């Protein structure tokens, strides 16, 4: 397949139904906004129903028809997508699976744009470290590899800064007699984080500071009574102000998304659009879409998009340039603290 013919066909399996639909539909809209300003690009999107076996079938169906392949949303779906890409000797552009193992599993076949999962908690832990009063930190992980990797990264960062931690597994009870000054960080599915935050706030001695991965998306404000003061971590937030060397600039992207959806986007939309821009740039740069050519171009690329910085480790494909972001919920929603 050659990109030099002038038109690129990008294929993507996204969760338009099932448990990840709230995020897959955002990713689709982000891609559509990117494509609307690229008349030499065509999108082909299939619903993976949030199911690995459906995603694999759809990906194998898309691969012969598409010049570039974008991965699905979620770490567990992207884990399967990486395996499929390797078996087909294709390169897949990973915008939706940030698990450390997923990003590093198939060098030469997976180029990752998001910050690795183990790095999610860093901005919040550093914020805790800067507080005037030292806090004990309880870390609650959700089910599955995502929560485990986020929690492990939070624990490692906290220990490096001398912060005392207690780590709890899925469903374990929160402290019945915590110290006067304690903080909570939870990393699970959206539903798990909401449940954990609600339990914590109902305690006789609730945490002084709360941070949740789920609080990194705007829907969190509808799921929690009075989210003010809660911190969220995520890949990106509107208004981050990143200059874009590739792809749409943030102001235009935000306006287009809000015009179509009626709300501002969360990170799934921004990271999908950024990934498409990077993939298309690498194809145009090399004049072809062979796996080897795309990998070489991506490995040498250091740039920025509306999503932030992009640079991969050339030996593994793991993202090393992009950094997670921290927000704090206020009266008008999440803002930079």
C-alpha atoms as a PDB file:
ATOM      1  CA  UNK A   1       0.000   0.000   0.000  1.00  0.00           C
ATOM      2  CA  UNK A   2       1.245   3.442  -0.903  1.00  0.00           C
ATOM      3  CA  UNK A   3       0.384   6.812   0.605  1.00  0.00           C
ATOM      4  CA  UNK A   4       1.843   8.641  -2.362  1.00  0.00           C
ATOM      5  CA  UNK A   5      -1.326   8.132  -4.384  1.00  0.00           C
ATOM      6  CA  UNK A   6      -2.746  11.086  -2.459  1.00  0.00           C
ATOM      7  CA  UNK A   7      -5.553   9.592  -0.408  1.00  0.00           C
ATOM      8  CA  UNK A   8      -5.286   7.732   2.888  1.00  0.00           C
ATOM      9  CA  UNK A   9      -7.870   5.384   4.306  1.00  0.00           C
ATOM     10  CA  UNK A  10      -7.767   5.129   8.107  1.00  0.00           C
ATOM     11  CA  UNK A  11      -9.511   2.205   9.773  1.00  0.00           C
ATOM     12  CA  UNK A  12     -10.500   2.078  13.431  1.00  0.00           C
ATOM     13  CA  UNK A  13     -12.370  -0.321  15.688  1.00  0.00           C
ATOM     14  CA  UNK A  14     -14.145   1.731  18.357  1.00  0.00           C
ATOM     15  CA  UNK A  15     -16.599   0.897  21.129  1.00  0.00           C
ATOM     16  CA  UNK A  16     -19.803   2.494  19.892  1.00  0.00           C
ATOM     17  CA  UNK A  17     -21.826   0.140  22.090  1.00  0.00           C
ATOM     18  CA  UNK A  18     -21.152  -1.840  25.247  1.00  0.00           C
ATOM     19  CA  UNK A  19     -19.320  -0.826  28.419  1.00  0.00           C
ATOM     20  CA  UNK A  20     -16.849   1.546  26.729  1.00  0.00           C
ATOM     21  CA  UNK A  21     -19.385   3.299  24.493  1.00  0.00           C
ATOM     22  CA  UNK A  22     -19.224   6.617  26.375  1.00  0.00           C
ATOM     23  CA  UNK A  23     -15.555   6.864  25.414  1.00  0.00           C
ATOM     24  CA  UNK A  24     -15.626   5.167  22.012  1.00  0.00           C
ATOM     25  CA  UNK A  25     -18.258   7.567  20.722  1.00  0.00           C
ATOM     26  CA  UNK A  26     -16.094  10.496  21.809  1.00  0.00           C
ATOM     27  CA  UNK A  27     -13.132   9.012  19.975  1.00  0.00           C
ATOM     28  CA  UNK A  28     -15.230   8.638  16.827  1.00  0.00           C
ATOM     29  CA  UNK A  29     -16.320  12.275  16.941  1.00  0.00           C
ATOM     30  CA  UNK A  30     -12.727  13.369  17.500  1.00  0.00           C
ATOM     31  CA  UNK A  31     -11.671  11.430  14.405  1.00  0.00           C
ATOM     32  CA  UNK A  32     -14.525  12.866  12.367  1.00  0.00           C
ATOM     33  CA  UNK A  33     -13.520  16.410  13.305  1.00  0.00           C
ATOM     34  CA  UNK A  34      -9.928  15.679  12.318  1.00  0.00           C
ATOM     35  CA  UNK A  35     -11.082  14.161   9.020  1.00  0.00           C
ATOM     36  CA  UNK A  36     -13.359  17.130   8.231  1.00  0.00           C
ATOM     37  CA  UNK A  37     -10.283  19.288   7.616  1.00  0.00           C
ATOM     38  CA  UNK A  38      -8.419  16.587   5.661  1.00  0.00           C
ATOM     39  CA  UNK A  39      -9.976  16.073   2.255  1.00  0.00           C
ATOM     40  CA  UNK A  40      -7.295  13.511   1.379  1.00  0.00           C
ATOM     41  CA  UNK A  41      -8.241  11.228   4.279  1.00  0.00           C
ATOM     42  CA  UNK A  42     -11.080   8.735   4.572  1.00  0.00           C
ATOM     43  CA  UNK A  43     -12.320   7.108   7.777  1.00  0.00           C
ATOM     44  CA  UNK A  44     -13.672   3.581   8.087  1.00  0.00           C
ATOM     45  CA  UNK A  45     -14.977   2.862  11.592  1.00  0.00           C
ATOM     46  CA  UNK A  46     -16.462  -0.355  12.935  1.00  0.00           C
ATOM     47  CA  UNK A  47     -18.153  -0.968  16.283  1.00  0.00           C
ATOM     48  CA  UNK A  48     -16.210  -3.458  18.387  1.00  0.00           C
ATOM     49  CA  UNK A  49     -19.071  -3.599  20.929  1.00  0.00           C
ATOM     50  CA  UNK A  50     -16.456  -3.331  23.714  1.00  0.00           C
ATOM     51  CA  UNK A  51     -15.683  -7.033  23.163  1.00  0.00           C
ATOM     52  CA  UNK A  52     -12.200  -8.356  22.285  1.00  0.00           C
ATOM     53  CA  UNK A  53     -13.426 -11.106  19.967  1.00  0.00           C
ATOM     54  CA  UNK A  54     -15.640  -8.689  18.024  1.00  0.00           C
ATOM     55  CA  UNK A  55     -12.772  -6.205  17.828  1.00  0.00           C
ATOM     56  CA  UNK A  56     -10.424  -8.854  16.432  1.00  0.00           C
ATOM     57  CA  UNK A  57     -12.884  -9.916  13.736  1.00  0.00           C
ATOM     58  CA  UNK A  58     -13.505  -6.301  12.740  1.00  0.00           C
ATOM     59  CA  UNK A  59      -9.797  -5.481  12.726  1.00  0.00           C
ATOM     60  CA  UNK A  60      -8.970  -8.413  10.465  1.00  0.00           C
ATOM     61  CA  UNK A  61     -11.771  -7.295   8.163  1.00  0.00           C
ATOM     62  CA  UNK A  62     -10.516  -3.695   8.077  1.00  0.00           C
ATOM     63  CA  UNK A  63      -6.807  -4.416   7.655  1.00  0.00           C
ATOM     64  CA  UNK A  64      -6.797  -5.305   3.924  1.00  0.00           C
ATOM     65  CA  UNK A  65      -8.942  -2.264   3.127  1.00  0.00           C
ATOM     66  CA  UNK A  66      -7.060   0.423   5.045  1.00  0.00           C
ATOM     67  CA  UNK A  67      -3.707   2.176   4.724  1.00  0.00           C
ATOM     68  CA  UNK A  68      -3.479   3.015   8.429  1.00  0.00           C
ATOM     69  CA  UNK A  69      -4.941   1.186  11.426  1.00  0.00           C
ATOM     70  CA  UNK A  70      -5.933   2.960  14.642  1.00  0.00           C
ATOM     71  CA  UNK A  71      -6.453   0.923  17.789  1.00  0.00           C
ATOM     72  CA  UNK A  72      -9.554   0.626  19.978  1.00  0.00           C
ATOM     73  CA  UNK A  73     -10.362   2.390  23.236  1.00  0.00           C
ATOM     74  CA  UNK A  74      -9.407   0.578  26.487  1.00  0.00           C
ATOM     75  CA  UNK A  75      -6.340  -1.305  27.564  1.00  0.00           C
ATOM     76  CA  UNK A  76      -7.865  -4.785  27.403  1.00  0.00           C
ATOM     77  CA  UNK A  77      -9.102  -4.264  23.830  1.00  0.00           C
ATOM     78  CA  UNK A  78      -5.792  -2.750  22.764  1.00  0.00           C
ATOM     79  CA  UNK A  79      -3.980  -5.743  24.236  1.00  0.00           C
ATOM     80  CA  UNK A  80      -5.799  -7.978  21.740  1.00  0.00           C
ATOM     81  CA  UNK A  81      -5.333  -5.427  18.940  1.00  0.00           C
ATOM     82  CA  UNK A  82      -1.561  -5.486  19.413  1.00  0.00           C
ATOM     83  CA  UNK A  83      -1.567  -9.251  19.082  1.00  0.00           C
ATOM     84  CA  UNK A  84      -3.606  -9.042  15.887  1.00  0.00           C
ATOM     85  CA  UNK A  85      -1.332  -6.358  14.420  1.00  0.00           C
ATOM     86  CA  UNK A  86       1.722  -8.505  15.087  1.00  0.00           C
ATOM     87  CA  UNK A  87       0.095 -11.565  13.502  1.00  0.00           C
ATOM     88  CA  UNK A  88      -0.760  -9.520  10.391  1.00  0.00           C
ATOM     89  CA  UNK A  89       2.646  -7.805  10.338  1.00  0.00           C
ATOM     90  CA  UNK A  90       0.875  -4.439  10.466  1.00  0.00           C
ATOM     91  CA  UNK A  91       1.515  -1.339  12.529  1.00  0.00           C
ATOM     92  CA  UNK A  92      -1.288  -0.113  14.754  1.00  0.00           C
ATOM     93  CA  UNK A  93      -1.493   3.407  16.169  1.00  0.00           C
ATOM     94  CA  UNK A  94      -2.511   3.152  19.807  1.00  0.00           C
ATOM     95  CA  UNK A  95      -4.633   6.023  21.094  1.00  0.00           C
ATOM     96  CA  UNK A  96      -6.803   4.235  23.644  1.00  0.00           C
ATOM     97  CA  UNK A  97      -4.797   1.615  25.558  1.00  0.00           C
ATOM     98  CA  UNK A  98      -2.347   3.090  28.043  1.00  0.00           C
ATOM     99  CA  UNK A  99      -1.392  -0.059  29.948  1.00  0.00           C
ATOM    100  CA  UNK A 100       2.373  -0.316  30.334  1.00  0.00           C
ATOM    101  CA  UNK A 101       2.381  -3.916  29.158  1.00  0.00           C
ATOM    102  CA  UNK A 102       0.252  -3.049  26.133  1.00  0.00           C
ATOM    103  CA  UNK A 103       2.471  -0.169  25.027  1.00  0.00           C
ATOM    104  CA  UNK A 104       5.616  -2.307  25.226  1.00  0.00           C
ATOM    105  CA  UNK A 105       4.254  -5.681  24.080  1.00  0.00           C
ATOM    106  CA  UNK A 106       4.931  -5.538  20.336  1.00  0.00           C
ATOM    107  CA  UNK A 107       7.889  -3.322  19.341  1.00  0.00           C
ATOM    108  CA  UNK A 108       7.705  -2.444  15.673  1.00  0.00           C
ATOM    109  CA  UNK A 109       3.960  -3.083  15.558  1.00  0.00           C
ATOM    110  CA  UNK A 110       2.449  -0.650  18.112  1.00  0.00           C
ATOM    111  CA  UNK A 111       3.063   3.101  18.309  1.00  0.00           C
ATOM    112  CA  UNK A 112       1.517   4.536  21.481  1.00  0.00           C
ATOM    113  CA  UNK A 113       0.377   8.129  21.926  1.00  0.00           C
ATOM    114  CA  UNK A 114      -1.001   8.176  25.529  1.00  0.00           C
ATOM    115  CA  UNK A 115       1.032   8.430  28.713  1.00  0.00           C
ATOM    116  CA  UNK A 116       1.652   4.919  30.122  1.00  0.00           C
ATOM    117  CA  UNK A 117      -0.733   3.902  32.875  1.00  0.00           C
ATOM    118  CA  UNK A 118       1.941   3.717  35.570  1.00  0.00           C
ATOM    119  CA  UNK A 119       2.556   7.450  35.107  1.00  0.00           C
ATOM    120  CA  UNK A 120      -1.087   8.538  35.576  1.00  0.00           C
ATOM    121  CA  UNK A 121      -0.834   9.419  39.250  1.00  0.00           C
ATOM    122  CA  UNK A 122       2.404  11.405  39.126  1.00  0.00           C
ATOM    123  CA  UNK A 123       0.882  14.916  38.963  1.00  0.00           C
ATOM    124  CA  UNK A 124      -1.432  14.208  41.906  1.00  0.00           C
ATOM    125  CA  UNK A 125       1.263  12.600  44.063  1.00  0.00           C
ATOM    126  CA  UNK A 126       3.571  15.533  43.399  1.00  0.00           C
ATOM    127  CA  UNK A 127       0.730  17.861  44.375  1.00  0.00           C
ATOM    128  CA  UNK A 128       0.316  15.981  47.664  1.00  0.00           C
ATOM    129  CA  UNK A 129       4.036  16.252  48.281  1.00  0.00           C
ATOM    130  CA  UNK A 130       3.826  20.026  47.990  1.00  0.00           C
ATOM    131  CA  UNK A 131       1.074  20.301  50.633  1.00  0.00           C
ATOM    132  CA  UNK A 132       1.917  22.093  53.862  1.00  0.00           C
ATOM    133  CA  UNK A 133       0.632  19.183  55.967  1.00  0.00           C
ATOM    134  CA  UNK A 134       1.843  15.630  55.290  1.00  0.00           C
ATOM    135  CA  UNK A 135      -0.941  13.212  54.387  1.00  0.00           C
ATOM    136  CA  UNK A 136      -1.208   9.450  54.593  1.00  0.00           C
ATOM    137  CA  UNK A 137      -2.346   8.126  51.231  1.00  0.00           C
ATOM    138  CA  UNK A 138      -4.784   5.271  50.662  1.00  0.00           C
ATOM    139  CA  UNK A 139      -4.626   3.877  47.134  1.00  0.00           C
ATOM    140  CA  UNK A 140      -7.626   1.876  45.913  1.00  0.00           C
ATOM    141  CA  UNK A 141      -7.239  -0.123  42.726  1.00  0.00           C
ATOM    142  CA  UNK A 142     -10.077  -1.438  40.600  1.00  0.00           C
ATOM    143  CA  UNK A 143     -10.412  -4.781  38.911  1.00  0.00           C
ATOM    144  CA  UNK A 144      -8.149  -5.640  36.020  1.00  0.00           C
ATOM    145  CA  UNK A 145      -4.743  -4.629  34.770  1.00  0.00           C
ATOM    146  CA  UNK A 146      -5.477  -0.927  34.309  1.00  0.00           C
ATOM    147  CA  UNK A 147      -6.282  -0.280  37.958  1.00  0.00           C
ATOM    148  CA  UNK A 148      -3.413  -2.466  39.124  1.00  0.00           C
ATOM    149  CA  UNK A 149      -0.870  -0.601  36.990  1.00  0.00           C
ATOM    150  CA  UNK A 150      -2.155   2.862  37.938  1.00  0.00           C
ATOM    151  CA  UNK A 151      -2.091   1.923  41.629  1.00  0.00           C
ATOM    152  CA  UNK A 152       1.400   0.457  41.394  1.00  0.00           C
ATOM    153  CA  UNK A 153       2.659   3.614  39.720  1.00  0.00           C
ATOM    154  CA  UNK A 154       1.030   5.783  42.383  1.00  0.00           C
ATOM    155  CA  UNK A 155       2.610   3.698  45.137  1.00  0.00           C
ATOM    156  CA  UNK A 156       6.061   3.868  43.549  1.00  0.00           C
ATOM    157  CA  UNK A 157       5.899   7.640  43.097  1.00  0.00           C
ATOM    158  CA  UNK A 158       4.612   8.180  46.640  1.00  0.00           C
ATOM    159  CA  UNK A 159       7.361   6.057  48.176  1.00  0.00           C
ATOM    160  CA  UNK A 160       9.998   7.949  46.191  1.00  0.00           C
ATOM    161  CA  UNK A 161       8.729  11.147  47.822  1.00  0.00           C
ATOM    162  CA  UNK A 162       8.479   9.711  51.320  1.00  0.00           C
ATOM    163  CA  UNK A 163       4.668   9.576  51.426  1.00  0.00           C
ATOM    164  CA  UNK A 164       3.223   6.747  53.536  1.00  0.00           C
ATOM    165  CA  UNK A 165       0.754   4.593  51.599  1.00  0.00           C
ATOM    166  CA  UNK A 166      -1.803   1.857  52.170  1.00  0.00           C
ATOM    167  CA  UNK A 167      -2.907  -0.018  49.069  1.00  0.00           C
ATOM    168  CA  UNK A 168      -6.322  -1.662  48.862  1.00  0.00           C
ATOM    169  CA  UNK A 169      -7.599  -4.124  46.304  1.00  0.00           C
ATOM    170  CA  UNK A 170     -11.016  -4.151  44.626  1.00  0.00           C
ATOM    171  CA  UNK A 171     -13.844  -4.186  47.152  1.00  0.00           C
ATOM    172  CA  UNK A 172     -11.637  -3.981  50.244  1.00  0.00           C
ATOM    173  CA  UNK A 173     -13.082  -1.784  53.021  1.00  0.00           C
ATOM    174  CA  UNK A 174     -11.835   1.743  53.461  1.00  0.00           C
ATOM    175  CA  UNK A 175     -10.170   2.629  56.783  1.00  0.00           C
ATOM    176  CA  UNK A 176     -12.565   2.700  59.731  1.00  0.00           C
ATOM    177  CA  UNK A 177     -10.217   4.783  61.883  1.00  0.00           C
ATOM    178  CA  UNK A 178      -7.913   6.709  59.548  1.00  0.00           C
ATOM    179  CA  UNK A 179      -5.554   9.449  60.711  1.00  0.00           C
ATOM    180  CA  UNK A 180      -6.913  12.967  60.858  1.00  0.00           C
ATOM    181  CA  UNK A 181      -5.119  13.928  57.673  1.00  0.00           C
ATOM    182  CA  UNK A 182      -5.456  11.319  54.954  1.00  0.00           C
ATOM    183  CA  UNK A 183      -5.884  11.321  51.209  1.00  0.00           C
ATOM    184  CA  UNK A 184      -7.542   8.915  48.796  1.00  0.00           C
ATOM    185  CA  UNK A 185      -6.485   8.007  45.274  1.00  0.00           C
ATOM    186  CA  UNK A 186      -8.632   5.542  43.363  1.00  0.00           C
ATOM    187  CA  UNK A 187      -7.988   3.953  39.999  1.00  0.00           C
ATOM    188  CA  UNK A 188     -10.597   1.658  38.541  1.00  0.00           C
ATOM    189  CA  UNK A 189     -13.362   1.730  36.000  1.00  0.00           C
ATOM    190  CA  UNK A 190     -15.576   4.805  35.922  1.00  0.00           C
ATOM    191  CA  UNK A 191     -18.230   3.009  37.953  1.00  0.00           C
ATOM    192  CA  UNK A 192     -15.726   1.647  40.468  1.00  0.00           C
ATOM    193  CA  UNK A 193     -14.214   5.071  41.096  1.00  0.00           C
ATOM    194  CA  UNK A 194     -17.616   6.692  41.577  1.00  0.00           C
ATOM    195  CA  UNK A 195     -18.582   4.000  44.095  1.00  0.00           C
ATOM    196  CA  UNK A 196     -15.285   4.344  45.986  1.00  0.00           C
ATOM    197  CA  UNK A 197     -15.526   8.127  46.186  1.00  0.00           C
ATOM    198  CA  UNK A 198     -19.109   7.930  47.463  1.00  0.00           C
ATOM    199  CA  UNK A 199     -18.115   5.390  50.136  1.00  0.00           C
ATOM    200  CA  UNK A 200     -15.182   7.517  51.231  1.00  0.00           C
ATOM    201  CA  UNK A 201     -17.193  10.700  51.528  1.00  0.00           C
ATOM    202  CA  UNK A 202     -19.773   8.902  53.684  1.00  0.00           C
ATOM    203  CA  UNK A 203     -17.184   7.869  56.291  1.00  0.00           C
ATOM    204  CA  UNK A 204     -17.273   9.498  59.759  1.00  0.00           C
ATOM    205  CA  UNK A 205     -13.806  10.828  58.968  1.00  0.00           C
ATOM    206  CA  UNK A 206     -13.717  11.314  55.178  1.00  0.00           C
ATOM    207  CA  UNK A 207     -10.442  11.906  53.347  1.00  0.00           C
ATOM    208  CA  UNK A 208      -9.157  15.446  53.324  1.00  0.00           C
ATOM    209  CA  UNK A 209      -8.100  15.117  49.689  1.00  0.00           C
ATOM    210  CA  UNK A 210      -9.622  12.879  47.004  1.00  0.00           C
ATOM    211  CA  UNK A 211      -8.377  12.084  43.511  1.00  0.00           C
ATOM    212  CA  UNK A 212      -9.915   9.654  41.032  1.00  0.00           C
ATOM    213  CA  UNK A 213      -9.115   8.668  37.485  1.00  0.00           C
ATOM    214  CA  UNK A 214     -12.853   8.893  36.769  1.00  0.00           C
ATOM    215  CA  UNK A 215     -12.792  12.554  37.785  1.00  0.00           C
ATOM    216  CA  UNK A 216     -10.755  13.175  34.669  1.00  0.00           C
ATOM    217  CA  UNK A 217     -13.891  13.185  32.500  1.00  0.00           C
ATOM    218  CA  UNK A 218     -16.807  15.613  32.628  1.00  0.00           C
ATOM    219  CA  UNK A 219     -19.398  12.894  33.137  1.00  0.00           C
ATOM    220  CA  UNK A 220     -18.018  12.520  36.654  1.00  0.00           C
ATOM    221  CA  UNK A 221     -19.785  15.740  37.603  1.00  0.00           C
ATOM    222  CA  UNK A 222     -23.145  14.136  36.838  1.00  0.00           C
ATOM    223  CA  UNK A 223     -22.341  10.944  38.752  1.00  0.00           C
ATOM    224  CA  UNK A 224     -21.240  12.553  42.041  1.00  0.00           C
ATOM    225  CA  UNK A 225     -23.166  14.897  44.317  1.00  0.00           C
ATOM    226  CA  UNK A 226     -21.147  18.107  44.562  1.00  0.00           C
ATOM    227  CA  UNK A 227     -17.792  17.099  43.050  1.00  0.00           C
ATOM    228  CA  UNK A 228     -16.172  20.392  44.024  1.00  0.00           C
ATOM    229  CA  UNK A 229     -12.705  19.941  45.462  1.00  0.00           C
ATOM    230  CA  UNK A 230     -12.140  16.486  43.987  1.00  0.00           C
ATOM    231  CA  UNK A 231      -9.033  16.049  41.860  1.00  0.00           C
ATOM    232  CA  UNK A 232      -8.938  14.167  38.605  1.00  0.00           C
ATOM    233  CA  UNK A 233      -6.070  12.819  36.553  1.00  0.00           C
ATOM    234  CA  UNK A 234      -6.147  12.051  32.887  1.00  0.00           C
ATOM    235  CA  UNK A 235      -4.390  12.172  29.594  1.00  0.00           C
ATOM    236  CA  UNK A 236      -5.658  15.646  28.656  1.00  0.00           C
ATOM    237  CA  UNK A 237      -8.143  18.361  29.583  1.00  0.00           C
ATOM    238  CA  UNK A 238      -9.750  21.131  27.520  1.00  0.00           C
ATOM    239  CA  UNK A 239      -7.896  24.394  27.808  1.00  0.00           C
ATOM    240  CA  UNK A 240      -4.514  22.781  28.310  1.00  0.00           C
ATOM    241  CA  UNK A 241      -3.088  25.240  25.807  1.00  0.00           C
ATOM    242  CA  UNK A 242      -0.792  22.824  23.985  1.00  0.00           C
ATOM    243  CA  UNK A 243       0.537  24.260  20.745  1.00  0.00           C
ATOM    244  CA  UNK A 244      -0.109  21.910  17.836  1.00  0.00           C
ATOM    245  CA  UNK A 245       2.586  21.377  15.233  1.00  0.00           C
ATOM    246  CA  UNK A 246       0.449  18.596  13.738  1.00  0.00           C
ATOM    247  CA  UNK A 247      -3.311  18.293  13.418  1.00  0.00           C
ATOM    248  CA  UNK A 248      -6.032  20.683  14.552  1.00  0.00           C
ATOM    249  CA  UNK A 249      -5.313  23.496  16.981  1.00  0.00           C
ATOM    250  CA  UNK A 250      -7.094  23.171  20.304  1.00  0.00           C
ATOM    251  CA  UNK A 251      -9.448  26.207  20.022  1.00  0.00           C
ATOM    252  CA  UNK A 252     -10.855  25.086  16.678  1.00  0.00           C
ATOM    253  CA  UNK A 253     -11.151  21.481  17.828  1.00  0.00           C
ATOM    254  CA  UNK A 254     -13.007  22.464  20.995  1.00  0.00           C
ATOM    255  CA  UNK A 255     -15.398  24.693  19.064  1.00  0.00           C
ATOM    256  CA  UNK A 256     -16.116  22.020  16.459  1.00  0.00           C
ATOM    257  CA  UNK A 257     -16.689  19.349  19.092  1.00  0.00           C
ATOM    258  CA  UNK A 258     -18.982  21.514  21.203  1.00  0.00           C
ATOM    259  CA  UNK A 259     -20.913  22.534  18.098  1.00  0.00           C
ATOM    260  CA  UNK A 260     -21.562  18.874  17.250  1.00  0.00           C
ATOM    261  CA  UNK A 261     -21.970  17.364  20.709  1.00  0.00           C
ATOM    262  CA  UNK A 262     -23.187  20.280  22.803  1.00  0.00           C
ATOM    263  CA  UNK A 263     -20.414  19.722  25.368  1.00  0.00           C
ATOM    264  CA  UNK A 264     -16.652  20.019  25.513  1.00  0.00           C
ATOM    265  CA  UNK A 265     -14.650  16.863  24.744  1.00  0.00           C
ATOM    266  CA  UNK A 266     -12.844  14.611  27.167  1.00  0.00           C
ATOM    267  CA  UNK A 267      -9.450  13.068  26.495  1.00  0.00           C
ATOM    268  CA  UNK A 268     -10.663  10.141  24.292  1.00  0.00           C
ATOM    269  CA  UNK A 269     -11.648  12.580  21.549  1.00  0.00           C
ATOM    270  CA  UNK A 270      -8.423  14.574  21.713  1.00  0.00           C
ATOM    271  CA  UNK A 271      -6.110  11.574  21.778  1.00  0.00           C
ATOM    272  CA  UNK A 272      -7.896   9.934  18.840  1.00  0.00           C
ATOM    273  CA  UNK A 273      -7.651  13.084  16.717  1.00  0.00           C
ATOM    274  CA  UNK A 274      -4.006  13.561  17.675  1.00  0.00           C
ATOM    275  CA  UNK A 275      -3.171   9.959  16.817  1.00  0.00           C
ATOM    276  CA  UNK A 276      -4.784  10.232  13.395  1.00  0.00           C
ATOM    277  CA  UNK A 277      -2.804  13.402  12.698  1.00  0.00           C
ATOM    278  CA  UNK A 278       0.475  11.736  13.708  1.00  0.00           C
ATOM    279  CA  UNK A 279      -0.229   8.587  11.701  1.00  0.00           C
ATOM    280  CA  UNK A 280      -1.158  10.527   8.569  1.00  0.00           C
ATOM    281  CA  UNK A 281       1.907  12.749   8.939  1.00  0.00           C
ATOM    282  CA  UNK A 282       4.211   9.730   9.131  1.00  0.00           C
ATOM    283  CA  UNK A 283       2.589   8.207   6.040  1.00  0.00           C
ATOM    284  CA  UNK A 284       2.954  11.440   4.074  1.00  0.00           C
ATOM    285  CA  UNK A 285       6.518  11.843   5.286  1.00  0.00           C
ATOM    286  CA  UNK A 286       7.598   8.419   4.088  1.00  0.00           C
ATOM    287  CA  UNK A 287       5.402   8.246   1.001  1.00  0.00           C
ATOM    288  CA  UNK A 288       4.254   4.759   1.985  1.00  0.00           C
ATOM    289  CA  UNK A 289       2.358   2.767   4.566  1.00  0.00           C
ATOM    290  CA  UNK A 290       4.505  -0.301   5.061  1.00  0.00           C
ATOM    291  CA  UNK A 291       5.005  -1.238   8.674  1.00  0.00           C
ATOM    292  CA  UNK A 292       8.761  -0.697   8.478  1.00  0.00           C
ATOM    293  CA  UNK A 293       8.471   2.768   6.939  1.00  0.00           C
ATOM    294  CA  UNK A 294       5.835   3.935   9.413  1.00  0.00           C
ATOM    295  CA  UNK A 295       7.790   2.604  12.392  1.00  0.00           C
ATOM    296  CA  UNK A 296      10.956   4.373  11.254  1.00  0.00           C
ATOM    297  CA  UNK A 297       9.096   7.659  10.810  1.00  0.00           C
ATOM    298  CA  UNK A 298       7.334   7.417  14.175  1.00  0.00           C
ATOM    299  CA  UNK A 299      10.539   6.457  15.985  1.00  0.00           C
ATOM    300  CA  UNK A 300      12.309   9.568  14.711  1.00  0.00           C
ATOM    301  CA  UNK A 301       9.408  11.953  15.300  1.00  0.00           C
ATOM    302  CA  UNK A 302       9.286  14.452  18.145  1.00  0.00           C
ATOM    303  CA  UNK A 303       6.371  16.847  17.852  1.00  0.00           C
ATOM    304  CA  UNK A 304       3.266  18.302  19.490  1.00  0.00           C
ATOM    305  CA  UNK A 305      -0.465  18.059  18.876  1.00  0.00           C
ATOM    306  CA  UNK A 306      -3.466  19.519  20.670  1.00  0.00           C
ATOM    307  CA  UNK A 307      -3.088  16.469  22.949  1.00  0.00           C
ATOM    308  CA  UNK A 308       0.442  17.471  23.986  1.00  0.00           C
ATOM    309  CA  UNK A 309       3.937  16.199  23.289  1.00  0.00           C
ATOM    310  CA  UNK A 310       4.689  13.106  21.234  1.00  0.00           C
ATOM    311  CA  UNK A 311       7.875  11.062  21.396  1.00  0.00           C
ATOM    312  CA  UNK A 312       8.221   7.297  21.602  1.00  0.00           C
ATOM    313  CA  UNK A 313      11.029   5.101  22.801  1.00  0.00           C
ATOM    314  CA  UNK A 314      12.404   3.868  19.458  1.00  0.00           C
ATOM    315  CA  UNK A 315      13.125   0.437  20.842  1.00  0.00           C
ATOM    316  CA  UNK A 316       9.694  -0.306  22.275  1.00  0.00           C
ATOM    317  CA  UNK A 317       7.099   2.147  20.953  1.00  0.00           C
ATOM    318  CA  UNK A 318       6.235   3.259  24.501  1.00  0.00           C
ATOM    319  CA  UNK A 319       5.233   6.910  24.817  1.00  0.00           C
ATOM    320  CA  UNK A 320       7.858   8.955  26.680  1.00  0.00           C
ATOM    321  CA  UNK A 321       7.029  12.530  25.667  1.00  0.00           C
ATOM    322  CA  UNK A 322       3.443  12.991  26.794  1.00  0.00           C
ATOM    323  CA  UNK A 323       2.590  13.779  30.425  1.00  0.00           C
ATOM    324  CA  UNK A 324      -0.606  13.155  32.386  1.00  0.00           C
ATOM    325  CA  UNK A 325      -2.594  16.173  33.569  1.00  0.00           C
ATOM    326  CA  UNK A 326      -4.201  17.117  36.896  1.00  0.00           C
ATOM    327  CA  UNK A 327      -7.449  19.025  37.419  1.00  0.00           C
ATOM    328  CA  UNK A 328      -9.577  20.045  40.391  1.00  0.00           C
ATOM    329  CA  UNK A 329     -13.343  20.248  40.230  1.00  0.00           C
ATOM    330  CA  UNK A 330     -14.812  23.670  40.875  1.00  0.00           C
ATOM    331  CA  UNK A 331     -18.219  25.273  40.476  1.00  0.00           C
ATOM    332  CA  UNK A 332     -17.894  25.358  36.699  1.00  0.00           C
ATOM    333  CA  UNK A 333     -16.305  21.944  36.260  1.00  0.00           C
ATOM    334  CA  UNK A 334     -12.714  20.688  36.211  1.00  0.00           C
ATOM    335  CA  UNK A 335      -9.936  23.273  35.976  1.00  0.00           C
ATOM    336  CA  UNK A 336      -6.179  23.268  36.454  1.00  0.00           C
ATOM    337  CA  UNK A 337      -5.393  23.503  40.197  1.00  0.00           C
END
